[in-house]
Amino acid sequence: MARIQITHAEQIEAMFDATPRQANIVLSRAINRAAIAGQTRASVNIRKEYYIKAGDIKKHVKIRKATANALSSQLRASGPVMPLMKFDVTPSSPNSAQVRARVKNGSRKPIESGFIGRTSNGHTNVFTRVGRERLPIKGRFGPSVAQMLGKDEVVDDIQSRIQDVLDTRLDHELDRLLRGEF
């Protein structure tokens, strides 16, 4: 678990000693904006290496926002492994063509005896048969969003972006407050 520090938090609170609530509001706004920037950077870093849509990533990278009473925010990636159809797969609907998939950079790889199927609840994915019989079938999956974010250099890049945005937004929010735009 990584922590981002507000470098001048004590000085900000001292500046607004008469109205500490305003200082907390300024800090929470800056923290929340930094967390959103971290979520965006996580999506960008994942999509540099994996063929997946930003919306599919955003569903699994959640933010617990800071409030004036609780000055901490949390960026958390969780969720199950992603169906192979969330990545680059051809064909995209059930037919008799050879199924090829690309999860990471490179070319699409053929899925031996794979086929596109749609279950009774409308879920479409790549499936393979477990034996020589028609049933059972097994769905094919790629990594989860948390696994895609698991590299140390990715986490370090996200932390760096969050810290940069936090410093910038803190200056901006303080400037707004001092100009009376609060």
N, C-alpha and C. Protein backbone atom coordinates (compact mmCIF):
# COMPACT_ATOMS: atom_id res chain seq x y z
N MET A 1 0.85 -1.17 0.00
CA MET A 1 0.00 0.00 0.00
C MET A 1 0.89 1.24 0.00
N ALA A 2 0.64 2.09 -0.94
CA ALA A 2 1.44 3.30 -1.08
C ALA A 2 0.72 4.49 -0.46
N ARG A 3 1.50 5.41 0.03
CA ARG A 3 0.92 6.61 0.63
C ARG A 3 1.48 7.83 -0.08
N ILE A 4 0.62 8.80 -0.29
CA ILE A 4 1.00 10.08 -0.87
C ILE A 4 0.90 11.11 0.26
N GLN A 5 1.89 11.96 0.37
CA GLN A 5 1.95 12.92 1.47
C GLN A 5 1.63 14.33 0.98
N ILE A 6 0.89 15.05 1.80
CA ILE A 6 0.68 16.48 1.56
C ILE A 6 1.80 17.20 2.29
N THR A 7 2.66 17.86 1.54
CA THR A 7 3.89 18.39 2.12
C THR A 7 3.67 19.55 3.09
N HIS A 8 2.65 20.34 2.88
CA HIS A 8 2.46 21.53 3.71
C HIS A 8 1.14 21.51 4.46
N ALA A 9 0.66 20.35 4.84
CA ALA A 9 -0.66 20.23 5.47
C ALA A 9 -0.72 21.03 6.77
N GLU A 10 0.31 20.95 7.58
CA GLU A 10 0.31 21.67 8.86
C GLU A 10 0.28 23.18 8.64
N GLN A 11 1.04 23.65 7.63
CA GLN A 11 1.08 25.08 7.34
C GLN A 11 -0.28 25.57 6.84
N ILE A 12 -0.94 24.74 6.03
CA ILE A 12 -2.27 25.12 5.52
C ILE A 12 -3.26 25.21 6.67
N GLU A 13 -3.23 24.23 7.55
CA GLU A 13 -4.13 24.25 8.70
C GLU A 13 -3.84 25.44 9.60
N ALA A 14 -2.56 25.80 9.74
CA ALA A 14 -2.20 26.96 10.57
C ALA A 14 -2.68 28.26 9.92
N MET A 15 -2.63 28.34 8.57
CA MET A 15 -3.10 29.53 7.86
C MET A 15 -4.58 29.77 8.12
N PHE A 16 -5.32 28.70 8.23
CA PHE A 16 -6.76 28.80 8.41
C PHE A 16 -7.15 28.35 9.81
N ASP A 17 -6.39 28.81 10.77
CA ASP A 17 -6.61 28.41 12.17
C ASP A 17 -8.00 28.84 12.65
N ALA A 18 -8.45 30.00 12.21
CA ALA A 18 -9.77 30.49 12.63
C ALA A 18 -10.90 29.71 11.94
N THR A 19 -10.63 29.19 10.73
CA THR A 19 -11.65 28.43 10.00
C THR A 19 -11.06 27.12 9.50
N PRO A 20 -10.84 26.16 10.39
CA PRO A 20 -10.21 24.90 9.97
C PRO A 20 -11.07 24.11 8.99
N ARG A 21 -12.36 24.32 8.99
CA ARG A 21 -13.25 23.62 8.07
C ARG A 21 -12.90 23.97 6.62
N GLN A 22 -12.57 25.24 6.36
CA GLN A 22 -12.18 25.63 5.01
C GLN A 22 -10.89 24.95 4.58
N ALA A 23 -9.94 24.85 5.49
CA ALA A 23 -8.69 24.17 5.17
C ALA A 23 -8.96 22.72 4.82
N ASN A 24 -9.85 22.06 5.56
CA ASN A 24 -10.16 20.66 5.28
C ASN A 24 -10.88 20.50 3.94
N ILE A 25 -11.72 21.46 3.60
CA ILE A 25 -12.41 21.40 2.31
C ILE A 25 -11.41 21.57 1.17
N VAL A 26 -10.47 22.50 1.31
CA VAL A 26 -9.43 22.71 0.31
C VAL A 26 -8.61 21.44 0.14
N LEU A 27 -8.21 20.85 1.25
CA LEU A 27 -7.40 19.64 1.19
C LEU A 27 -8.18 18.48 0.55
N SER A 28 -9.44 18.31 0.92
CA SER A 28 -10.21 17.19 0.38
C SER A 28 -10.43 17.34 -1.12
N ARG A 29 -10.65 18.56 -1.60
CA ARG A 29 -10.82 18.78 -3.03
C ARG A 29 -9.55 18.42 -3.79
N ALA A 30 -8.41 18.84 -3.27
CA ALA A 30 -7.13 18.54 -3.92
C ALA A 30 -6.86 17.04 -3.90
N ILE A 31 -7.14 16.40 -2.79
CA ILE A 31 -6.92 14.95 -2.68
C ILE A 31 -7.81 14.20 -3.68
N ASN A 32 -9.06 14.59 -3.78
CA ASN A 32 -9.98 13.90 -4.69
C ASN A 32 -9.58 14.08 -6.15
N ARG A 33 -9.14 15.28 -6.49
CA ARG A 33 -8.71 15.51 -7.87
C ARG A 33 -7.47 14.67 -8.19
N ALA A 34 -6.58 14.53 -7.22
CA ALA A 34 -5.38 13.71 -7.42
C ALA A 34 -5.76 12.24 -7.57
N ALA A 35 -6.74 11.78 -6.81
CA ALA A 35 -7.18 10.39 -6.91
C ALA A 35 -7.77 10.10 -8.29
N ILE A 36 -8.53 11.04 -8.82
CA ILE A 36 -9.11 10.87 -10.15
C ILE A 36 -7.99 10.81 -11.21
N ALA A 37 -6.97 11.64 -11.04
CA ALA A 37 -5.82 11.61 -11.95
C ALA A 37 -5.10 10.28 -11.85
N GLY A 38 -5.04 9.71 -10.65
CA GLY A 38 -4.42 8.39 -10.48
C GLY A 38 -5.21 7.30 -11.18
N GLN A 39 -6.53 7.40 -11.12
CA GLN A 39 -7.38 6.42 -11.80
C GLN A 39 -7.16 6.50 -13.32
N THR A 40 -7.07 7.71 -13.83
CA THR A 40 -6.83 7.89 -15.25
C THR A 40 -5.46 7.36 -15.65
N ARG A 41 -4.44 7.64 -14.84
CA ARG A 41 -3.10 7.16 -15.15
C ARG A 41 -3.04 5.63 -15.10
N ALA A 42 -3.79 5.02 -14.19
CA ALA A 42 -3.84 3.56 -14.13
C ALA A 42 -4.40 3.00 -15.44
N SER A 43 -5.44 3.61 -15.94
CA SER A 43 -6.04 3.18 -17.20
C SER A 43 -5.06 3.33 -18.36
N VAL A 44 -4.39 4.47 -18.40
CA VAL A 44 -3.42 4.72 -19.48
C VAL A 44 -2.30 3.69 -19.43
N ASN A 45 -1.76 3.42 -18.25
CA ASN A 45 -0.66 2.46 -18.13
C ASN A 45 -1.08 1.04 -18.51
N ILE A 46 -2.27 0.65 -18.13
CA ILE A 46 -2.75 -0.69 -18.49
C ILE A 46 -2.91 -0.79 -20.00
N ARG A 47 -3.50 0.25 -20.61
CA ARG A 47 -3.75 0.19 -22.05
C ARG A 47 -2.49 0.31 -22.89
N LYS A 48 -1.37 0.71 -22.30
CA LYS A 48 -0.09 0.69 -23.03
C LYS A 48 0.33 -0.74 -23.31
N GLU A 49 -0.02 -1.65 -22.44
CA GLU A 49 0.44 -3.04 -22.56
C GLU A 49 -0.66 -4.01 -22.94
N TYR A 50 -1.90 -3.74 -22.55
CA TYR A 50 -3.00 -4.67 -22.78
C TYR A 50 -4.03 -4.06 -23.72
N TYR A 51 -4.67 -4.91 -24.49
CA TYR A 51 -5.73 -4.47 -25.40
C TYR A 51 -7.06 -4.59 -24.69
N ILE A 52 -7.45 -3.54 -23.98
CA ILE A 52 -8.69 -3.52 -23.24
C ILE A 52 -9.23 -2.09 -23.24
N LYS A 53 -10.53 -1.94 -23.18
CA LYS A 53 -11.15 -0.62 -23.22
C LYS A 53 -11.00 0.10 -21.88
N ALA A 54 -10.92 1.41 -21.95
CA ALA A 54 -10.79 2.22 -20.73
C ALA A 54 -12.00 2.05 -19.81
N GLY A 55 -13.17 1.92 -20.38
CA GLY A 55 -14.38 1.75 -19.57
C GLY A 55 -14.37 0.46 -18.77
N ASP A 56 -13.79 -0.59 -19.35
CA ASP A 56 -13.70 -1.87 -18.64
C ASP A 56 -12.72 -1.78 -17.48
N ILE A 57 -11.72 -0.94 -17.62
CA ILE A 57 -10.76 -0.74 -16.53
C ILE A 57 -11.40 0.10 -15.43
N LYS A 58 -12.08 1.16 -15.84
CA LYS A 58 -12.65 2.10 -14.87
C LYS A 58 -13.67 1.43 -13.96
N LYS A 59 -14.37 0.43 -14.46
CA LYS A 59 -15.35 -0.30 -13.65
C LYS A 59 -14.69 -0.99 -12.46
N HIS A 60 -13.40 -1.31 -12.60
CA HIS A 60 -12.72 -2.10 -11.58
C HIS A 60 -11.68 -1.32 -10.78
N VAL A 61 -11.45 -0.05 -11.12
CA VAL A 61 -10.55 0.81 -10.34
C VAL A 61 -11.43 1.84 -9.65
N LYS A 62 -11.67 1.63 -8.38
CA LYS A 62 -12.61 2.46 -7.62
C LYS A 62 -11.86 3.46 -6.75
N ILE A 63 -12.54 4.58 -6.50
CA ILE A 63 -11.99 5.63 -5.64
C ILE A 63 -12.89 5.79 -4.43
N ARG A 64 -12.30 5.76 -3.25
CA ARG A 64 -13.01 6.18 -2.04
C ARG A 64 -12.54 7.60 -1.79
N LYS A 65 -13.45 8.54 -1.95
CA LYS A 65 -13.08 9.95 -1.93
C LYS A 65 -12.88 10.48 -0.52
N ALA A 66 -12.08 11.52 -0.43
CA ALA A 66 -11.84 12.22 0.82
C ALA A 66 -13.00 13.17 1.10
N THR A 67 -13.24 13.41 2.37
CA THR A 67 -14.23 14.41 2.78
C THR A 67 -13.53 15.39 3.71
N ALA A 68 -14.24 16.45 4.08
CA ALA A 68 -13.67 17.43 5.00
C ALA A 68 -13.40 16.80 6.36
N ASN A 69 -14.15 15.77 6.71
CA ASN A 69 -13.95 15.09 7.99
C ASN A 69 -12.93 13.95 7.93
N ALA A 70 -12.74 13.38 6.76
CA ALA A 70 -11.80 12.27 6.59
C ALA A 70 -10.89 12.60 5.41
N LEU A 71 -9.72 13.12 5.71
CA LEU A 71 -8.81 13.61 4.68
C LEU A 71 -7.91 12.51 4.14
N SER A 72 -8.52 11.46 3.63
CA SER A 72 -7.75 10.43 2.95
C SER A 72 -8.61 9.87 1.83
N SER A 73 -7.94 9.46 0.79
CA SER A 73 -8.61 8.89 -0.36
C SER A 73 -7.94 7.56 -0.66
N GLN A 74 -8.68 6.68 -1.29
CA GLN A 74 -8.13 5.36 -1.59
C GLN A 74 -8.46 5.01 -3.04
N LEU A 75 -7.46 4.56 -3.75
CA LEU A 75 -7.60 4.10 -5.12
C LEU A 75 -7.40 2.59 -5.08
N ARG A 76 -8.41 1.83 -5.52
CA ARG A 76 -8.35 0.38 -5.34
C ARG A 76 -8.76 -0.34 -6.60
N ALA A 77 -7.94 -1.28 -7.04
CA ALA A 77 -8.26 -2.13 -8.20
C ALA A 77 -8.65 -3.50 -7.68
N SER A 78 -9.83 -3.95 -8.10
CA SER A 78 -10.29 -5.26 -7.67
C SER A 78 -11.19 -5.83 -8.75
N GLY A 79 -11.63 -7.03 -8.55
CA GLY A 79 -12.54 -7.65 -9.49
C GLY A 79 -12.02 -8.98 -9.99
N PRO A 80 -12.86 -9.71 -10.66
CA PRO A 80 -12.48 -11.04 -11.15
C PRO A 80 -11.62 -10.93 -12.42
N VAL A 81 -11.15 -12.08 -12.87
CA VAL A 81 -10.43 -12.12 -14.14
C VAL A 81 -11.39 -11.69 -15.24
N MET A 82 -10.86 -11.08 -16.27
CA MET A 82 -11.69 -10.50 -17.33
C MET A 82 -11.96 -11.56 -18.41
N PRO A 83 -13.20 -11.65 -18.88
CA PRO A 83 -13.48 -12.55 -19.99
C PRO A 83 -12.62 -12.19 -21.19
N LEU A 84 -12.20 -13.18 -21.94
CA LEU A 84 -11.32 -12.95 -23.08
C LEU A 84 -11.97 -12.01 -24.11
N MET A 85 -13.28 -11.96 -24.16
CA MET A 85 -13.97 -11.07 -25.11
C MET A 85 -13.75 -9.60 -24.79
N LYS A 86 -13.30 -9.26 -23.59
CA LYS A 86 -13.02 -7.87 -23.24
C LYS A 86 -11.73 -7.39 -23.89
N PHE A 87 -10.94 -8.31 -24.45
CA PHE A 87 -9.69 -7.98 -25.11
C PHE A 87 -9.92 -7.98 -26.62
N ASP A 88 -8.88 -8.06 -27.41
CA ASP A 88 -8.97 -8.00 -28.87
C ASP A 88 -9.20 -9.42 -29.41
N VAL A 89 -10.43 -9.73 -29.76
CA VAL A 89 -10.80 -11.07 -30.24
C VAL A 89 -11.51 -10.95 -31.57
N THR A 90 -11.15 -11.84 -32.51
CA THR A 90 -11.90 -11.94 -33.77
C THR A 90 -12.32 -13.39 -33.94
N PRO A 91 -13.46 -13.68 -34.43
CA PRO A 91 -14.58 -12.78 -34.70
C PRO A 91 -15.19 -12.31 -33.39
N SER A 92 -16.04 -11.29 -33.48
CA SER A 92 -16.62 -10.74 -32.25
C SER A 92 -17.99 -11.31 -31.93
N SER A 93 -18.53 -12.12 -32.80
CA SER A 93 -19.82 -12.75 -32.54
C SER A 93 -19.75 -14.22 -32.99
N PRO A 94 -20.68 -15.04 -32.54
CA PRO A 94 -20.63 -16.47 -32.88
C PRO A 94 -20.71 -16.70 -34.39
N ASN A 95 -19.70 -17.40 -34.91
CA ASN A 95 -19.73 -17.92 -36.29
C ASN A 95 -18.66 -19.01 -36.37
N SER A 96 -18.42 -19.51 -37.56
CA SER A 96 -17.54 -20.67 -37.69
C SER A 96 -16.08 -20.32 -37.95
N ALA A 97 -15.71 -19.05 -37.92
CA ALA A 97 -14.34 -18.64 -38.20
C ALA A 97 -13.40 -19.02 -37.05
N GLN A 98 -12.12 -19.17 -37.37
CA GLN A 98 -11.09 -19.46 -36.37
C GLN A 98 -11.00 -18.30 -35.38
N VAL A 99 -11.05 -18.61 -34.09
CA VAL A 99 -10.97 -17.58 -33.06
C VAL A 99 -9.51 -17.23 -32.82
N ARG A 100 -9.24 -15.93 -32.84
CA ARG A 100 -7.89 -15.42 -32.57
C ARG A 100 -8.04 -14.34 -31.52
N ALA A 101 -7.08 -14.29 -30.59
CA ALA A 101 -7.17 -13.31 -29.50
C ALA A 101 -5.81 -12.69 -29.23
N ARG A 102 -5.88 -11.43 -28.78
CA ARG A 102 -4.66 -10.70 -28.39
C ARG A 102 -4.98 -10.02 -27.06
N VAL A 103 -4.24 -10.40 -26.03
CA VAL A 103 -4.41 -9.80 -24.71
C VAL A 103 -3.37 -8.72 -24.51
N LYS A 104 -2.13 -9.00 -24.86
CA LYS A 104 -1.03 -8.05 -24.74
C LYS A 104 -0.53 -7.63 -26.11
N ASN A 105 0.50 -6.77 -26.13
CA ASN A 105 1.08 -6.34 -27.39
C ASN A 105 1.53 -7.54 -28.21
N GLY A 106 1.46 -7.40 -29.49
CA GLY A 106 1.86 -8.47 -30.39
C GLY A 106 0.72 -8.78 -31.33
N SER A 107 0.80 -9.95 -31.94
CA SER A 107 -0.24 -10.32 -32.89
C SER A 107 -1.28 -11.22 -32.22
N ARG A 108 -2.42 -11.36 -32.87
CA ARG A 108 -3.46 -12.25 -32.35
C ARG A 108 -3.00 -13.69 -32.48
N LYS A 109 -3.25 -14.46 -31.46
CA LYS A 109 -2.89 -15.87 -31.43
C LYS A 109 -4.15 -16.71 -31.60
N PRO A 110 -4.07 -17.79 -32.37
CA PRO A 110 -5.25 -18.64 -32.52
C PRO A 110 -5.55 -19.38 -31.22
N ILE A 111 -6.83 -19.55 -30.92
CA ILE A 111 -7.27 -20.32 -29.76
C ILE A 111 -7.68 -21.69 -30.30
N GLU A 112 -6.88 -22.69 -30.01
CA GLU A 112 -7.15 -24.03 -30.51
C GLU A 112 -8.51 -24.51 -30.04
N SER A 113 -9.32 -24.96 -30.98
CA SER A 113 -10.69 -25.44 -30.75
C SER A 113 -11.52 -24.46 -29.92
N GLY A 114 -11.23 -23.19 -30.07
CA GLY A 114 -12.02 -22.16 -29.39
C GLY A 114 -13.16 -21.70 -30.27
N PHE A 115 -14.21 -21.24 -29.66
CA PHE A 115 -15.36 -20.73 -30.39
C PHE A 115 -16.02 -19.63 -29.56
N ILE A 116 -16.73 -18.76 -30.25
CA ILE A 116 -17.47 -17.69 -29.59
C ILE A 116 -18.85 -18.23 -29.29
N GLY A 117 -19.25 -18.10 -28.03
CA GLY A 117 -20.56 -18.59 -27.64
C GLY A 117 -21.30 -17.57 -26.82
N ARG A 118 -22.61 -17.67 -26.84
CA ARG A 118 -23.46 -16.78 -26.06
C ARG A 118 -24.28 -17.66 -25.12
N THR A 119 -24.17 -17.42 -23.82
CA THR A 119 -24.90 -18.21 -22.84
C THR A 119 -26.35 -17.73 -22.77
N SER A 120 -27.16 -18.46 -22.04
CA SER A 120 -28.59 -18.13 -21.96
C SER A 120 -28.84 -16.77 -21.30
N ASN A 121 -27.91 -16.31 -20.48
CA ASN A 121 -28.10 -15.00 -19.86
C ASN A 121 -27.52 -13.85 -20.70
N GLY A 122 -27.08 -14.14 -21.91
CA GLY A 122 -26.60 -13.11 -22.81
C GLY A 122 -25.10 -12.86 -22.77
N HIS A 123 -24.37 -13.57 -21.93
CA HIS A 123 -22.93 -13.41 -21.78
C HIS A 123 -22.22 -14.02 -23.00
N THR A 124 -21.44 -13.23 -23.71
CA THR A 124 -20.68 -13.71 -24.87
C THR A 124 -19.22 -13.80 -24.48
N ASN A 125 -18.59 -14.93 -24.80
CA ASN A 125 -17.18 -15.12 -24.47
C ASN A 125 -16.59 -16.15 -25.41
N VAL A 126 -15.27 -16.35 -25.27
CA VAL A 126 -14.58 -17.42 -25.98
C VAL A 126 -14.66 -18.65 -25.10
N PHE A 127 -15.04 -19.77 -25.69
CA PHE A 127 -15.16 -21.02 -24.96
C PHE A 127 -14.35 -22.10 -25.66
N THR A 128 -13.96 -23.11 -24.90
CA THR A 128 -13.38 -24.33 -25.46
C THR A 128 -14.09 -25.51 -24.83
N ARG A 129 -14.08 -26.63 -25.54
CA ARG A 129 -14.72 -27.83 -25.02
C ARG A 129 -13.74 -28.53 -24.08
N VAL A 130 -14.30 -29.14 -23.03
CA VAL A 130 -13.47 -29.81 -22.03
C VAL A 130 -13.07 -31.20 -22.49
N GLY A 131 -13.88 -31.84 -23.27
CA GLY A 131 -13.56 -33.19 -23.78
C GLY A 131 -13.99 -33.30 -25.22
N ARG A 132 -14.21 -34.55 -25.65
CA ARG A 132 -14.64 -34.77 -27.03
C ARG A 132 -16.14 -34.55 -27.18
N GLU A 133 -16.85 -34.55 -26.07
CA GLU A 133 -18.30 -34.35 -26.10
C GLU A 133 -18.64 -32.88 -26.32
N ARG A 134 -19.89 -32.64 -26.67
CA ARG A 134 -20.38 -31.27 -26.89
C ARG A 134 -20.32 -30.44 -25.61
N LEU A 135 -20.67 -31.01 -24.51
CA LEU A 135 -20.61 -30.36 -23.20
C LEU A 135 -19.75 -31.20 -22.28
N PRO A 136 -19.09 -30.67 -21.31
CA PRO A 136 -19.10 -29.28 -20.84
C PRO A 136 -18.14 -28.41 -21.65
N ILE A 137 -18.36 -27.11 -21.53
CA ILE A 137 -17.47 -26.13 -22.13
C ILE A 137 -16.87 -25.27 -21.03
N LYS A 138 -15.76 -24.64 -21.34
CA LYS A 138 -15.05 -23.82 -20.35
C LYS A 138 -14.78 -22.44 -20.96
N GLY A 139 -15.12 -21.39 -20.21
CA GLY A 139 -14.85 -20.03 -20.66
C GLY A 139 -13.37 -19.70 -20.56
N ARG A 140 -12.89 -18.86 -21.45
CA ARG A 140 -11.49 -18.44 -21.45
C ARG A 140 -11.41 -17.03 -20.91
N PHE A 141 -10.37 -16.76 -20.11
CA PHE A 141 -10.25 -15.48 -19.43
C PHE A 141 -8.85 -14.92 -19.54
N GLY A 142 -8.74 -13.60 -19.42
CA GLY A 142 -7.47 -12.90 -19.33
C GLY A 142 -7.23 -12.51 -17.89
N PRO A 143 -6.24 -11.67 -17.64
CA PRO A 143 -5.95 -11.25 -16.26
C PRO A 143 -7.00 -10.27 -15.72
N SER A 144 -7.03 -10.12 -14.42
CA SER A 144 -7.90 -9.12 -13.79
C SER A 144 -7.21 -7.75 -13.87
N VAL A 145 -7.96 -6.71 -13.61
CA VAL A 145 -7.40 -5.35 -13.63
C VAL A 145 -6.34 -5.22 -12.55
N ALA A 146 -6.57 -5.82 -11.39
CA ALA A 146 -5.57 -5.77 -10.32
C ALA A 146 -4.27 -6.45 -10.75
N GLN A 147 -4.36 -7.54 -11.48
CA GLN A 147 -3.15 -8.20 -11.97
C GLN A 147 -2.44 -7.35 -13.00
N MET A 148 -3.20 -6.67 -13.85
CA MET A 148 -2.59 -5.81 -14.87
C MET A 148 -1.88 -4.62 -14.23
N LEU A 149 -2.36 -4.17 -13.08
CA LEU A 149 -1.74 -3.03 -12.38
C LEU A 149 -0.62 -3.45 -11.45
N GLY A 150 -0.36 -4.74 -11.33
CA GLY A 150 0.53 -5.26 -10.30
C GLY A 150 2.00 -4.93 -10.42
N LYS A 151 2.47 -4.43 -11.52
CA LYS A 151 3.90 -4.16 -11.68
C LYS A 151 4.33 -2.95 -10.85
N ASP A 152 5.50 -3.03 -10.27
CA ASP A 152 6.00 -1.95 -9.42
C ASP A 152 6.19 -0.64 -10.17
N GLU A 153 6.70 -0.71 -11.42
CA GLU A 153 6.93 0.52 -12.17
C GLU A 153 5.60 1.21 -12.52
N VAL A 154 4.54 0.44 -12.71
CA VAL A 154 3.23 1.03 -12.97
C VAL A 154 2.72 1.74 -11.72
N VAL A 155 2.84 1.09 -10.59
CA VAL A 155 2.40 1.68 -9.32
C VAL A 155 3.21 2.94 -9.02
N ASP A 156 4.52 2.89 -9.25
CA ASP A 156 5.36 4.07 -9.02
C ASP A 156 4.96 5.23 -9.93
N ASP A 157 4.63 4.94 -11.19
CA ASP A 157 4.21 5.99 -12.11
C ASP A 157 2.89 6.61 -11.65
N ILE A 158 1.96 5.79 -11.19
CA ILE A 158 0.67 6.29 -10.70
C ILE A 158 0.88 7.16 -9.47
N GLN A 159 1.74 6.71 -8.55
CA GLN A 159 2.03 7.50 -7.35
C GLN A 159 2.65 8.84 -7.71
N SER A 160 3.55 8.83 -8.66
CA SER A 160 4.20 10.07 -9.09
C SER A 160 3.18 11.04 -9.67
N ARG A 161 2.27 10.53 -10.48
CA ARG A 161 1.23 11.38 -11.07
C ARG A 161 0.30 11.95 -9.99
N ILE A 162 -0.08 11.11 -9.03
CA ILE A 162 -0.96 11.56 -7.95
C ILE A 162 -0.27 12.67 -7.15
N GLN A 163 1.00 12.50 -6.84
CA GLN A 163 1.73 13.51 -6.06
C GLN A 163 1.82 14.82 -6.83
N ASP A 164 2.10 14.75 -8.14
CA ASP A 164 2.19 15.96 -8.95
C ASP A 164 0.86 16.71 -8.99
N VAL A 165 -0.21 15.97 -9.22
CA VAL A 165 -1.54 16.59 -9.30
C VAL A 165 -1.94 17.15 -7.95
N LEU A 166 -1.62 16.43 -6.88
CA LEU A 166 -1.96 16.90 -5.54
C LEU A 166 -1.29 18.24 -5.25
N ASP A 167 -0.01 18.34 -5.56
CA ASP A 167 0.70 19.60 -5.33
C ASP A 167 0.11 20.74 -6.17
N THR A 168 -0.16 20.46 -7.42
CA THR A 168 -0.72 21.48 -8.31
C THR A 168 -2.12 21.91 -7.87
N ARG A 169 -2.96 20.94 -7.57
CA ARG A 169 -4.34 21.26 -7.18
C ARG A 169 -4.40 21.95 -5.82
N LEU A 170 -3.49 21.61 -4.94
CA LEU A 170 -3.46 22.27 -3.65
C LEU A 170 -3.17 23.76 -3.82
N ASP A 171 -2.21 24.08 -4.67
CA ASP A 171 -1.92 25.49 -4.97
C ASP A 171 -3.14 26.17 -5.59
N HIS A 172 -3.78 25.48 -6.51
CA HIS A 172 -4.95 26.05 -7.19
C HIS A 172 -6.10 26.30 -6.21
N GLU A 173 -6.40 25.32 -5.38
CA GLU A 173 -7.51 25.45 -4.42
C GLU A 173 -7.23 26.55 -3.40
N LEU A 174 -5.98 26.65 -2.93
CA LEU A 174 -5.62 27.72 -2.00
C LEU A 174 -5.76 29.09 -2.66
N ASP A 175 -5.35 29.18 -3.90
CA ASP A 175 -5.46 30.43 -4.64
C ASP A 175 -6.94 30.83 -4.79
N ARG A 176 -7.78 29.87 -5.11
CA ARG A 176 -9.23 30.15 -5.21
C ARG A 176 -9.80 30.64 -3.89
N LEU A 177 -9.39 30.00 -2.80
CA LEU A 177 -9.88 30.37 -1.49
C LEU A 177 -9.44 31.78 -1.11
N LEU A 178 -8.18 32.10 -1.39
CA LEU A 178 -7.66 33.42 -1.04
C LEU A 178 -8.27 34.52 -1.90
N ARG A 179 -8.69 34.18 -3.13
CA ARG A 179 -9.36 35.17 -3.99
C ARG A 179 -10.83 35.31 -3.67
N GLY A 180 -11.34 34.48 -2.77
CA GLY A 180 -12.74 34.56 -2.38
C GLY A 180 -13.69 33.81 -3.28
N GLU A 181 -13.20 32.88 -4.09
CA GLU A 181 -14.06 32.11 -5.00
C GLU A 181 -14.54 30.83 -4.35
N PHE A 182 -14.55 30.75 -3.10
CA PHE A 182 -14.85 29.52 -2.37
C PHE A 182 -16.31 29.28 -2.28
